[in-house]
């Protein structure tokens, strides 16, 4: 790789991705429907985990990760100094 720049915000979206989104938008389930359960199971299978949980944002994922790690009030949470504020606020 000759370019050290990491393209932030560039997506690769296939026609299959677009079709999947349109299918959900045209269904009766916009949130918490069968597509979410299927996605969670696919992620769990890919990671070799029993469960996976889909959330609405990376901030929500960080909060769940802290809960799963057993972090509570008064615990210390270390984070990178070069990060988004959600990393420090999740604990």
C-alpha atoms as a PDB file:
ATOM      1  CA  UNK A   1       0.000   0.000   0.000  1.00  0.00           C
ATOM      2  CA  UNK A   2       1.620   3.220  -1.150  1.00  0.00           C
ATOM      3  CA  UNK A   3      -1.033   5.581   0.187  1.00  0.00           C
ATOM      4  CA  UNK A   4      -0.819   5.986   3.989  1.00  0.00           C
ATOM      5  CA  UNK A   5      -4.177   7.820   4.036  1.00  0.00           C
ATOM      6  CA  UNK A   6      -7.061   5.803   5.476  1.00  0.00           C
ATOM      7  CA  UNK A   7     -10.215   6.859   3.621  1.00  0.00           C
ATOM      8  CA  UNK A   8     -12.693   7.854   6.322  1.00  0.00           C
ATOM      9  CA  UNK A   9     -16.303   7.687   5.284  1.00  0.00           C
ATOM     10  CA  UNK A  10     -15.862   5.878   1.981  1.00  0.00           C
ATOM     11  CA  UNK A  11     -18.293   3.009   1.611  1.00  0.00           C
ATOM     12  CA  UNK A  12     -18.560   0.119  -0.771  1.00  0.00           C
ATOM     13  CA  UNK A  13     -22.267  -0.428  -1.331  1.00  0.00           C
ATOM     14  CA  UNK A  14     -23.324  -3.221  -3.659  1.00  0.00           C
ATOM     15  CA  UNK A  15     -26.621  -3.698  -5.447  1.00  0.00           C
ATOM     16  CA  UNK A  16     -27.240  -6.601  -3.058  1.00  0.00           C
ATOM     17  CA  UNK A  17     -26.895  -4.156  -0.127  1.00  0.00           C
ATOM     18  CA  UNK A  18     -29.327  -1.728  -1.746  1.00  0.00           C
ATOM     19  CA  UNK A  19     -31.828  -4.502  -2.475  1.00  0.00           C
ATOM     20  CA  UNK A  20     -31.672  -5.693   1.152  1.00  0.00           C
ATOM     21  CA  UNK A  21     -32.369  -2.181   2.465  1.00  0.00           C
ATOM     22  CA  UNK A  22     -35.257  -1.680   0.044  1.00  0.00           C
ATOM     23  CA  UNK A  23     -36.712  -5.045   1.083  1.00  0.00           C
ATOM     24  CA  UNK A  24     -36.711  -3.992   4.747  1.00  0.00           C
ATOM     25  CA  UNK A  25     -38.126  -0.544   3.960  1.00  0.00           C
ATOM     26  CA  UNK A  26     -40.986  -2.150   2.033  1.00  0.00           C
ATOM     27  CA  UNK A  27     -41.712  -4.663   4.800  1.00  0.00           C
ATOM     28  CA  UNK A  28     -43.816  -4.238   7.927  1.00  0.00           C
ATOM     29  CA  UNK A  29     -40.657  -4.217  10.074  1.00  0.00           C
ATOM     30  CA  UNK A  30     -38.447  -1.150  10.056  1.00  0.00           C
ATOM     31  CA  UNK A  31     -36.925  -1.892  13.477  1.00  0.00           C
ATOM     32  CA  UNK A  32     -36.558  -5.059  15.535  1.00  0.00           C
ATOM     33  CA  UNK A  33     -37.863  -7.256  12.736  1.00  0.00           C
ATOM     34  CA  UNK A  34     -36.660 -10.544  11.291  1.00  0.00           C
ATOM     35  CA  UNK A  35     -33.842  -8.869   9.337  1.00  0.00           C
ATOM     36  CA  UNK A  36     -32.272  -7.750  12.635  1.00  0.00           C
ATOM     37  CA  UNK A  37     -32.455 -11.242  14.130  1.00  0.00           C
ATOM     38  CA  UNK A  38     -30.923 -12.692  10.949  1.00  0.00           C
ATOM     39  CA  UNK A  39     -28.157 -10.062  10.992  1.00  0.00           C
ATOM     40  CA  UNK A  40     -27.377 -10.737  14.662  1.00  0.00           C
ATOM     41  CA  UNK A  41     -27.192 -14.481  14.032  1.00  0.00           C
ATOM     42  CA  UNK A  42     -24.914 -13.992  11.009  1.00  0.00           C
ATOM     43  CA  UNK A  43     -22.565 -11.805  13.072  1.00  0.00           C
ATOM     44  CA  UNK A  44     -22.572 -14.316  15.938  1.00  0.00           C
ATOM     45  CA  UNK A  45     -21.811 -17.172  13.533  1.00  0.00           C
ATOM     46  CA  UNK A  46     -19.031 -15.194  11.831  1.00  0.00           C
ATOM     47  CA  UNK A  47     -17.438 -14.363  15.200  1.00  0.00           C
ATOM     48  CA  UNK A  48     -17.898 -17.855  16.621  1.00  0.00           C
ATOM     49  CA  UNK A  49     -20.089 -16.437  19.375  1.00  0.00           C
ATOM     50  CA  UNK A  50     -23.350 -17.648  20.819  1.00  0.00           C
ATOM     51  CA  UNK A  51     -24.991 -14.229  20.637  1.00  0.00           C
ATOM     52  CA  UNK A  52     -24.630 -10.858  18.942  1.00  0.00           C
ATOM     53  CA  UNK A  53     -26.592  -7.680  19.590  1.00  0.00           C
ATOM     54  CA  UNK A  54     -27.320  -5.035  16.973  1.00  0.00           C
ATOM     55  CA  UNK A  55     -27.552  -1.488  18.302  1.00  0.00           C
ATOM     56  CA  UNK A  56     -28.298   1.909  16.787  1.00  0.00           C
ATOM     57  CA  UNK A  57     -24.852   3.467  17.182  1.00  0.00           C
ATOM     58  CA  UNK A  58     -21.262   2.927  18.216  1.00  0.00           C
ATOM     59  CA  UNK A  59     -22.032   4.900  21.385  1.00  0.00           C
ATOM     60  CA  UNK A  60     -24.746   2.398  22.305  1.00  0.00           C
ATOM     61  CA  UNK A  61     -22.311  -0.440  21.565  1.00  0.00           C
ATOM     62  CA  UNK A  62     -19.716   1.107  23.892  1.00  0.00           C
ATOM     63  CA  UNK A  63     -22.291   1.402  26.680  1.00  0.00           C
ATOM     64  CA  UNK A  64     -23.263  -2.261  26.259  1.00  0.00           C
ATOM     65  CA  UNK A  65     -19.591  -3.290  26.195  1.00  0.00           C
ATOM     66  CA  UNK A  66     -19.011  -1.498  29.513  1.00  0.00           C
ATOM     67  CA  UNK A  67     -22.029  -3.231  31.039  1.00  0.00           C
ATOM     68  CA  UNK A  68     -20.833  -6.598  29.728  1.00  0.00           C
ATOM     69  CA  UNK A  69     -17.387  -5.938  31.206  1.00  0.00           C
ATOM     70  CA  UNK A  70     -18.987  -5.229  34.574  1.00  0.00           C
ATOM     71  CA  UNK A  71     -17.883  -1.598  34.770  1.00  0.00           C
ATOM     72  CA  UNK A  72     -19.786   0.419  37.319  1.00  0.00           C
ATOM     73  CA  UNK A  73     -19.868   3.788  39.007  1.00  0.00           C
ATOM     74  CA  UNK A  74     -16.428   4.789  40.229  1.00  0.00           C
ATOM     75  CA  UNK A  75     -14.551   2.314  38.025  1.00  0.00           C
ATOM     76  CA  UNK A  76     -11.706   3.608  35.878  1.00  0.00           C
ATOM     77  CA  UNK A  77     -12.090   3.450  32.112  1.00  0.00           C
ATOM     78  CA  UNK A  78      -8.943   3.950  30.030  1.00  0.00           C
ATOM     79  CA  UNK A  79      -9.323   5.240  26.500  1.00  0.00           C
ATOM     80  CA  UNK A  80      -7.171   6.575  23.718  1.00  0.00           C
ATOM     81  CA  UNK A  81      -6.456  10.319  23.797  1.00  0.00           C
ATOM     82  CA  UNK A  82      -7.230  10.399  20.068  1.00  0.00           C
ATOM     83  CA  UNK A  83     -10.860   9.315  20.006  1.00  0.00           C
ATOM     84  CA  UNK A  84     -14.459  10.449  19.843  1.00  0.00           C
ATOM     85  CA  UNK A  85     -15.988  11.720  23.084  1.00  0.00           C
ATOM     86  CA  UNK A  86     -18.327   8.688  23.268  1.00  0.00           C
ATOM     87  CA  UNK A  87     -15.354   6.506  24.200  1.00  0.00           C
ATOM     88  CA  UNK A  88     -14.839   8.432  27.422  1.00  0.00           C
ATOM     89  CA  UNK A  89     -18.535   8.979  28.154  1.00  0.00           C
ATOM     90  CA  UNK A  90     -19.561   5.333  27.885  1.00  0.00           C
ATOM     91  CA  UNK A  91     -18.229   4.273  31.270  1.00  0.00           C
END
